PDB file of N, CA and C in Angstrom:
ATOM      1  N   UNK A   1      11.510 -17.600   1.934  1.00  0.00           N
ATOM      2  CA  UNK A   1      11.795 -16.690   0.831  1.00  0.00           C
ATOM      3  C   UNK A   1      10.637 -15.691   0.678  1.00  0.00           C
ATOM      4  N   UNK A   2      10.980 -14.426   0.616  1.00  0.00           N
ATOM      5  CA  UNK A   2       9.963 -13.380   0.461  1.00  0.00           C
ATOM      6  C   UNK A   2       9.616 -13.246  -1.016  1.00  0.00           C
ATOM      7  N   UNK A   3       8.335 -13.412  -1.344  1.00  0.00           N
ATOM      8  CA  UNK A   3       7.917 -13.408  -2.740  1.00  0.00           C
ATOM      9  C   UNK A   3       6.938 -12.299  -3.096  1.00  0.00           C
ATOM     10  N   UNK A   4       6.356 -11.651  -2.092  1.00  0.00           N
ATOM     11  CA  UNK A   4       5.315 -10.655  -2.334  1.00  0.00           C
ATOM     12  C   UNK A   4       5.667  -9.340  -1.658  1.00  0.00           C
ATOM     13  N   UNK A   5       5.457  -8.240  -2.386  1.00  0.00           N
ATOM     14  CA  UNK A   5       5.669  -6.901  -1.845  1.00  0.00           C
ATOM     15  C   UNK A   5       4.310  -6.229  -1.721  1.00  0.00           C
ATOM     16  N   UNK A   6       4.040  -5.649  -0.559  1.00  0.00           N
ATOM     17  CA  UNK A   6       2.733  -5.048  -0.304  1.00  0.00           C
ATOM     18  C   UNK A   6       2.880  -3.562  -0.001  1.00  0.00           C
ATOM     19  N   UNK A   7       2.218  -2.750  -0.825  1.00  0.00           N
ATOM     20  CA  UNK A   7       2.128  -1.316  -0.562  1.00  0.00           C
ATOM     21  C   UNK A   7       0.992  -1.113   0.426  1.00  0.00           C
ATOM     22  N   UNK A   8       1.224  -0.291   1.454  1.00  0.00           N
ATOM     23  CA  UNK A   8       0.197  -0.087   2.472  1.00  0.00           C
ATOM     24  C   UNK A   8       0.299   1.318   3.048  1.00  0.00           C
ATOM     25  N   UNK A   9      -0.799   1.775   3.649  1.00  0.00           N
ATOM     26  CA  UNK A   9      -0.789   3.063   4.333  1.00  0.00           C
ATOM     27  C   UNK A   9      -1.189   2.932   5.803  1.00  0.00           C
ATOM     28  N   UNK A  10      -1.473   1.743   6.256  1.00  0.00           N
ATOM     29  CA  UNK A  10      -1.774   1.446   7.659  1.00  0.00           C
ATOM     30  C   UNK A  10      -1.080   0.145   8.042  1.00  0.00           C
ATOM     31  N   UNK A  11      -1.082  -0.196   9.314  1.00  0.00           N
ATOM     32  CA  UNK A  11      -0.489  -1.443   9.788  1.00  0.00           C
ATOM     33  C   UNK A  11      -1.360  -2.618   9.354  1.00  0.00           C
ATOM     34  N   UNK A  12      -0.790  -3.513   8.555  1.00  0.00           N
ATOM     35  CA  UNK A  12      -1.543  -4.679   8.068  1.00  0.00           C
ATOM     36  C   UNK A  12      -0.723  -5.964   8.145  1.00  0.00           C
ATOM     37  N   UNK A  13       0.457  -5.889   8.716  1.00  0.00           N
ATOM     38  CA  UNK A  13       1.340  -7.048   8.737  1.00  0.00           C
ATOM     39  C   UNK A  13       0.680  -8.290   9.329  1.00  0.00           C
ATOM     40  N   UNK A  14      -0.156  -8.105  10.326  1.00  0.00           N
ATOM     41  CA  UNK A  14      -0.799  -9.236  10.994  1.00  0.00           C
ATOM     42  C   UNK A  14      -1.765 -10.003  10.084  1.00  0.00           C
ATOM     43  N   UNK A  15      -2.107  -9.437   8.932  1.00  0.00           N
ATOM     44  CA  UNK A  15      -3.021 -10.092   8.001  1.00  0.00           C
ATOM     45  C   UNK A  15      -2.322 -11.045   7.037  1.00  0.00           C
ATOM     46  N   UNK A  16      -0.987 -11.013   6.998  1.00  0.00           N
ATOM     47  CA  UNK A  16      -0.238 -11.777   6.007  1.00  0.00           C
ATOM     48  C   UNK A  16       0.801 -12.668   6.672  1.00  0.00           C
ATOM     49  N   UNK A  17       1.257 -13.667   5.926  1.00  0.00           N
ATOM     50  CA  UNK A  17       2.287 -14.558   6.457  1.00  0.00           C
ATOM     51  C   UNK A  17       3.667 -13.943   6.258  1.00  0.00           C
ATOM     52  N   UNK A  18       4.692 -14.695   6.593  1.00  0.00           N
ATOM     53  CA  UNK A  18       6.060 -14.173   6.514  1.00  0.00           C
ATOM     54  C   UNK A  18       6.651 -14.251   5.113  1.00  0.00           C
ATOM     55  N   UNK A  19       5.845 -14.504   4.106  1.00  0.00           N
ATOM     56  CA  UNK A  19       6.296 -14.531   2.718  1.00  0.00           C
ATOM     57  C   UNK A  19       6.201 -13.141   2.076  1.00  0.00           C
ATOM     58  N   UNK A  20       5.910 -12.125   2.880  1.00  0.00           N
ATOM     59  CA  UNK A  20       5.663 -10.781   2.358  1.00  0.00           C
ATOM     60  C   UNK A  20       6.635  -9.767   2.945  1.00  0.00           C
ATOM     61  N   UNK A  21       6.866  -8.730   2.163  1.00  0.00           N
ATOM     62  CA  UNK A  21       7.593  -7.560   2.646  1.00  0.00           C
ATOM     63  C   UNK A  21       6.696  -6.354   2.403  1.00  0.00           C
ATOM     64  N   UNK A  22       6.814  -5.339   3.261  1.00  0.00           N
ATOM     65  CA  UNK A  22       5.882  -4.216   3.229  1.00  0.00           C
ATOM     66  C   UNK A  22       6.590  -2.899   2.944  1.00  0.00           C
ATOM     67  N   UNK A  23       5.874  -2.017   2.251  1.00  0.00           N
ATOM     68  CA  UNK A  23       6.378  -0.670   2.018  1.00  0.00           C
ATOM     69  C   UNK A  23       6.322   0.112   3.319  1.00  0.00           C
ATOM     70  N   UNK A  24       6.937   1.288   3.312  1.00  0.00           N
ATOM     71  CA  UNK A  24       6.707   2.221   4.407  1.00  0.00           C
ATOM     72  C   UNK A  24       5.285   2.740   4.288  1.00  0.00           C
ATOM     73  N   UNK A  25       4.791   3.368   5.322  1.00  0.00           N
ATOM     74  CA  UNK A  25       3.424   3.887   5.286  1.00  0.00           C
ATOM     75  C   UNK A  25       3.309   4.973   4.214  1.00  0.00           C
ATOM     76  N   UNK A  26       2.456   4.722   3.218  1.00  0.00           N
ATOM     77  CA  UNK A  26       2.241   5.683   2.153  1.00  0.00           C
ATOM     78  C   UNK A  26       3.331   5.722   1.097  1.00  0.00           C
ATOM     79  N   UNK A  27       4.343   4.887   1.218  1.00  0.00           N
ATOM     80  CA  UNK A  27       5.458   4.874   0.266  1.00  0.00           C
ATOM     81  C   UNK A  27       5.061   4.097  -0.982  1.00  0.00           C
ATOM     82  N   UNK A  28       5.228   4.696  -2.142  1.00  0.00           N
ATOM     83  CA  UNK A  28       4.904   4.018  -3.395  1.00  0.00           C
ATOM     84  C   UNK A  28       6.137   3.822  -4.266  1.00  0.00           C
ATOM     85  N   UNK A  29       7.311   3.937  -3.680  1.00  0.00           N
ATOM     86  CA  UNK A  29       8.548   3.764  -4.439  1.00  0.00           C
ATOM     87  C   UNK A  29       8.682   2.332  -4.929  1.00  0.00           C
ATOM     88  N   UNK A  30       9.308   2.184  -6.068  1.00  0.00           N
ATOM     89  CA  UNK A  30       9.572   0.852  -6.611  1.00  0.00           C
ATOM     90  C   UNK A  30      10.574   0.144  -5.704  1.00  0.00           C
ATOM     91  N   UNK A  31      10.293  -1.096  -5.320  1.00  0.00           N
ATOM     92  CA  UNK A  31      11.235  -1.831  -4.465  1.00  0.00           C
ATOM     93  C   UNK A  31      12.564  -2.062  -5.182  1.00  0.00           C
ATOM     94  N   UNK A  32      13.636  -2.182  -4.406  1.00  0.00           N
ATOM     95  CA  UNK A  32      14.955  -2.422  -4.979  1.00  0.00           C
ATOM     96  C   UNK A  32      15.156  -3.872  -5.375  1.00  0.00           C
ATOM     97  N   UNK A  33      14.300  -4.746  -4.895  1.00  0.00           N
ATOM     98  CA  UNK A  33      14.389  -6.181  -5.148  1.00  0.00           C
ATOM     99  C   UNK A  33      13.208  -6.588  -6.021  1.00  0.00           C
ATOM    100  N   UNK A  34      13.399  -7.600  -6.863  1.00  0.00           N
ATOM    101  CA  UNK A  34      12.299  -8.122  -7.674  1.00  0.00           C
ATOM    102  C   UNK A  34      11.436  -9.059  -6.829  1.00  0.00           C
ATOM    103  N   UNK A  35      10.129  -8.962  -6.973  1.00  0.00           N
ATOM    104  CA  UNK A  35       9.182  -9.822  -6.269  1.00  0.00           C
ATOM    105  C   UNK A  35       8.293 -10.516  -7.287  1.00  0.00           C
ATOM    106  N   UNK A  36       7.774 -11.683  -6.908  1.00  0.00           N
ATOM    107  CA  UNK A  36       6.869 -12.419  -7.790  1.00  0.00           C
ATOM    108  C   UNK A  36       5.530 -11.713  -7.939  1.00  0.00           C
ATOM    109  N   UNK A  37       5.104 -11.020  -6.889  1.00  0.00           N
ATOM    110  CA  UNK A  37       3.814 -10.331  -6.946  1.00  0.00           C
ATOM    111  C   UNK A  37       3.834  -9.073  -6.084  1.00  0.00           C
ATOM    112  N   UNK A  38       2.927  -8.173  -6.425  1.00  0.00           N
ATOM    113  CA  UNK A  38       2.755  -6.922  -5.687  1.00  0.00           C
ATOM    114  C   UNK A  38       1.284  -6.792  -5.315  1.00  0.00           C
ATOM    115  N   UNK A  39       1.037  -6.302  -4.113  1.00  0.00           N
ATOM    116  CA  UNK A  39      -0.327  -6.044  -3.652  1.00  0.00           C
ATOM    117  C   UNK A  39      -0.400  -4.585  -3.216  1.00  0.00           C
ATOM    118  N   UNK A  40      -1.448  -3.905  -3.630  1.00  0.00           N
ATOM    119  CA  UNK A  40      -1.694  -2.541  -3.165  1.00  0.00           C
ATOM    120  C   UNK A  40      -2.847  -2.628  -2.173  1.00  0.00           C
ATOM    121  N   UNK A  41      -2.557  -2.369  -0.906  1.00  0.00           N
ATOM    122  CA  UNK A  41      -3.530  -2.541   0.177  1.00  0.00           C
ATOM    123  C   UNK A  41      -3.671  -1.206   0.897  1.00  0.00           C
ATOM    124  N   UNK A  42      -4.353  -0.281   0.254  1.00  0.00           N
ATOM    125  CA  UNK A  42      -4.579   1.039   0.845  1.00  0.00           C
ATOM    126  C   UNK A  42      -5.991   1.098   1.405  1.00  0.00           C
ATOM    127  N   UNK A  43      -6.119   1.698   2.568  1.00  0.00           N
ATOM    128  CA  UNK A  43      -7.408   1.836   3.233  1.00  0.00           C
ATOM    129  C   UNK A  43      -7.722   3.321   3.417  1.00  0.00           C
ATOM    130  N   UNK A  44      -9.003   3.656   3.343  1.00  0.00           N
ATOM    131  CA  UNK A  44      -9.379   5.041   3.616  1.00  0.00           C
ATOM    132  C   UNK A  44      -9.656   5.197   5.104  1.00  0.00           C
ATOM    133  N   UNK A  45      -9.488   6.404   5.577  1.00  0.00           N
ATOM    134  CA  UNK A  45      -9.662   6.703   6.997  1.00  0.00           C
ATOM    135  C   UNK A  45     -11.154   6.739   7.333  1.00  0.00           C
ATOM    136  N   UNK A  46     -11.628   5.844   8.206  1.00  0.00           N
ATOM    137  CA  UNK A  46     -13.053   5.830   8.536  1.00  0.00           C
ATOM    138  C   UNK A  46     -13.475   6.962   9.476  1.00  0.00           C
ATOM    139  N   UNK A  47     -12.518   7.687  10.021  1.00  0.00           N
ATOM    140  CA  UNK A  47     -12.832   8.721  11.012  1.00  0.00           C
ATOM    141  C   UNK A  47     -13.089  10.095  10.403  1.00  0.00           C
ATOM    142  N   UNK A  48     -13.008  10.210   9.089  1.00  0.00           N
ATOM    143  CA  UNK A  48     -13.215  11.515   8.456  1.00  0.00           C
ATOM    144  C   UNK A  48     -14.567  11.539   7.746  1.00  0.00           C
ATOM    145  N   UNK A  49     -14.953  12.714   7.278  1.00  0.00           N
ATOM    146  CA  UNK A  49     -16.240  12.868   6.596  1.00  0.00           C
ATOM    147  C   UNK A  49     -16.210  12.161   5.240  1.00  0.00           C
ATOM    148  N   UNK A  50     -17.374  11.846   4.693  1.00  0.00           N
ATOM    149  CA  UNK A  50     -17.411  11.238   3.363  1.00  0.00           C
ATOM    150  C   UNK A  50     -16.712  12.096   2.300  1.00  0.00           C
ATOM    151  N   UNK A  51     -16.828  13.409   2.429  1.00  0.00           N
ATOM    152  CA  UNK A  51     -16.170  14.301   1.464  1.00  0.00           C
ATOM    153  C   UNK A  51     -14.650  14.171   1.554  1.00  0.00           C
ATOM    154  N   UNK A  52     -14.144  14.070   2.775  1.00  0.00           N
ATOM    155  CA  UNK A  52     -12.700  13.891   2.957  1.00  0.00           C
ATOM    156  C   UNK A  52     -12.258  12.512   2.471  1.00  0.00           C
ATOM    157  N   UNK A  53     -13.121  11.519   2.616  1.00  0.00           N
ATOM    158  CA  UNK A  53     -12.800  10.183   2.109  1.00  0.00           C
ATOM    159  C   UNK A  53     -12.690  10.194   0.592  1.00  0.00           C
ATOM    160  N   UNK A  54     -13.567  10.931  -0.066  1.00  0.00           N
ATOM    161  CA  UNK A  54     -13.494  11.048  -1.527  1.00  0.00           C
ATOM    162  C   UNK A  54     -12.161  11.666  -1.931  1.00  0.00           C
ATOM    163  N   UNK A  55     -11.731  12.707  -1.234  1.00  0.00           N
ATOM    164  CA  UNK A  55     -10.436  13.328  -1.532  1.00  0.00           C
ATOM    165  C   UNK A  55      -9.293  12.350  -1.294  1.00  0.00           C
ATOM    166  N   UNK A  56      -9.393  11.561  -0.238  1.00  0.00           N
ATOM    167  CA  UNK A  56      -8.357  10.571   0.053  1.00  0.00           C
ATOM    168  C   UNK A  56      -8.306   9.500  -1.041  1.00  0.00           C
ATOM    169  N   UNK A  57      -9.461   9.067  -1.518  1.00  0.00           N
ATOM    170  CA  UNK A  57      -9.512   8.091  -2.609  1.00  0.00           C
ATOM    171  C   UNK A  57      -8.873   8.670  -3.862  1.00  0.00           C
ATOM    172  N   UNK A  58      -9.175   9.912  -4.177  1.00  0.00           N
ATOM    173  CA  UNK A  58      -8.577  10.552  -5.349  1.00  0.00           C
ATOM    174  C   UNK A  58      -7.058  10.637  -5.206  1.00  0.00           C
ATOM    175  N   UNK A  59      -6.576  10.916  -4.007  1.00  0.00           N
ATOM    176  CA  UNK A  59      -5.136  10.961  -3.765  1.00  0.00           C
ATOM    177  C   UNK A  59      -4.508   9.584  -3.977  1.00  0.00           C
ATOM    178  N   UNK A  60      -5.147   8.545  -3.471  1.00  0.00           N
ATOM    179  CA  UNK A  60      -4.631   7.183  -3.657  1.00  0.00           C
ATOM    180  C   UNK A  60      -4.613   6.825  -5.139  1.00  0.00           C
ATOM    181  N   UNK A  61      -5.678   7.165  -5.855  1.00  0.00           N
ATOM    182  CA  UNK A  61      -5.742   6.859  -7.286  1.00  0.00           C
ATOM    183  C   UNK A  61      -4.658   7.575  -8.081  1.00  0.00           C
ATOM    184  N   UNK A  62      -4.201   8.720  -7.595  1.00  0.00           N
ATOM    185  CA  UNK A  62      -3.200   9.500  -8.331  1.00  0.00           C
ATOM    186  C   UNK A  62      -1.777   8.982  -8.124  1.00  0.00           C
ATOM    187  N   UNK A  63      -1.578   8.087  -7.170  1.00  0.00           N
ATOM    188  CA  UNK A  63      -0.234   7.580  -6.885  1.00  0.00           C
ATOM    189  C   UNK A  63       0.240   6.687  -8.027  1.00  0.00           C
ATOM    190  N   UNK A  64       1.513   6.760  -8.307  1.00  0.00           N
ATOM    191  CA  UNK A  64       2.106   6.011  -9.403  1.00  0.00           C
ATOM    192  C   UNK A  64       2.832   4.790  -8.832  1.00  0.00           C
ATOM    193  N   UNK A  65       2.088   3.803  -8.390  1.00  0.00           N
ATOM    194  CA  UNK A  65       2.667   2.608  -7.790  1.00  0.00           C
ATOM    195  C   UNK A  65       3.597   1.907  -8.776  1.00  0.00           C
ATOM    196  N   UNK A  66       4.685   1.379  -8.264  1.00  0.00           N
ATOM    197  CA  UNK A  66       5.691   0.603  -8.996  1.00  0.00           C
ATOM    198  C   UNK A  66       6.594   1.437  -9.884  1.00  0.00           C
ATOM    199  N   UNK A  67       6.236   2.650 -10.189  1.00  0.00           N
ATOM    200  CA  UNK A  67       7.037   3.437 -11.118  1.00  0.00           C
ATOM    201  C   UNK A  67       7.603   4.700 -10.503  1.00  0.00           C
ATOM    202  N   UNK A  68       7.425   4.903  -9.221  1.00  0.00           N
ATOM    203  CA  UNK A  68       7.905   6.118  -8.563  1.00  0.00           C
ATOM    204  C   UNK A  68       9.395   6.053  -8.333  1.00  0.00           C
TER     205      UNK A  68
END
């Protein structure tokens, strides 16, 4: 039984067991199914400058998870 929904922006499936379902990359839409728990697992891009990372963090913070 799938009990956890995980929002993600990169491939992270290998970090979790089969009790989880994952969003599309960068998708913050509310799932159509009810879950016992939600995890927001967003990562910043390590290949960009620190200034670009700050902008990426601000973009992630502005997302309306669960209510989109």
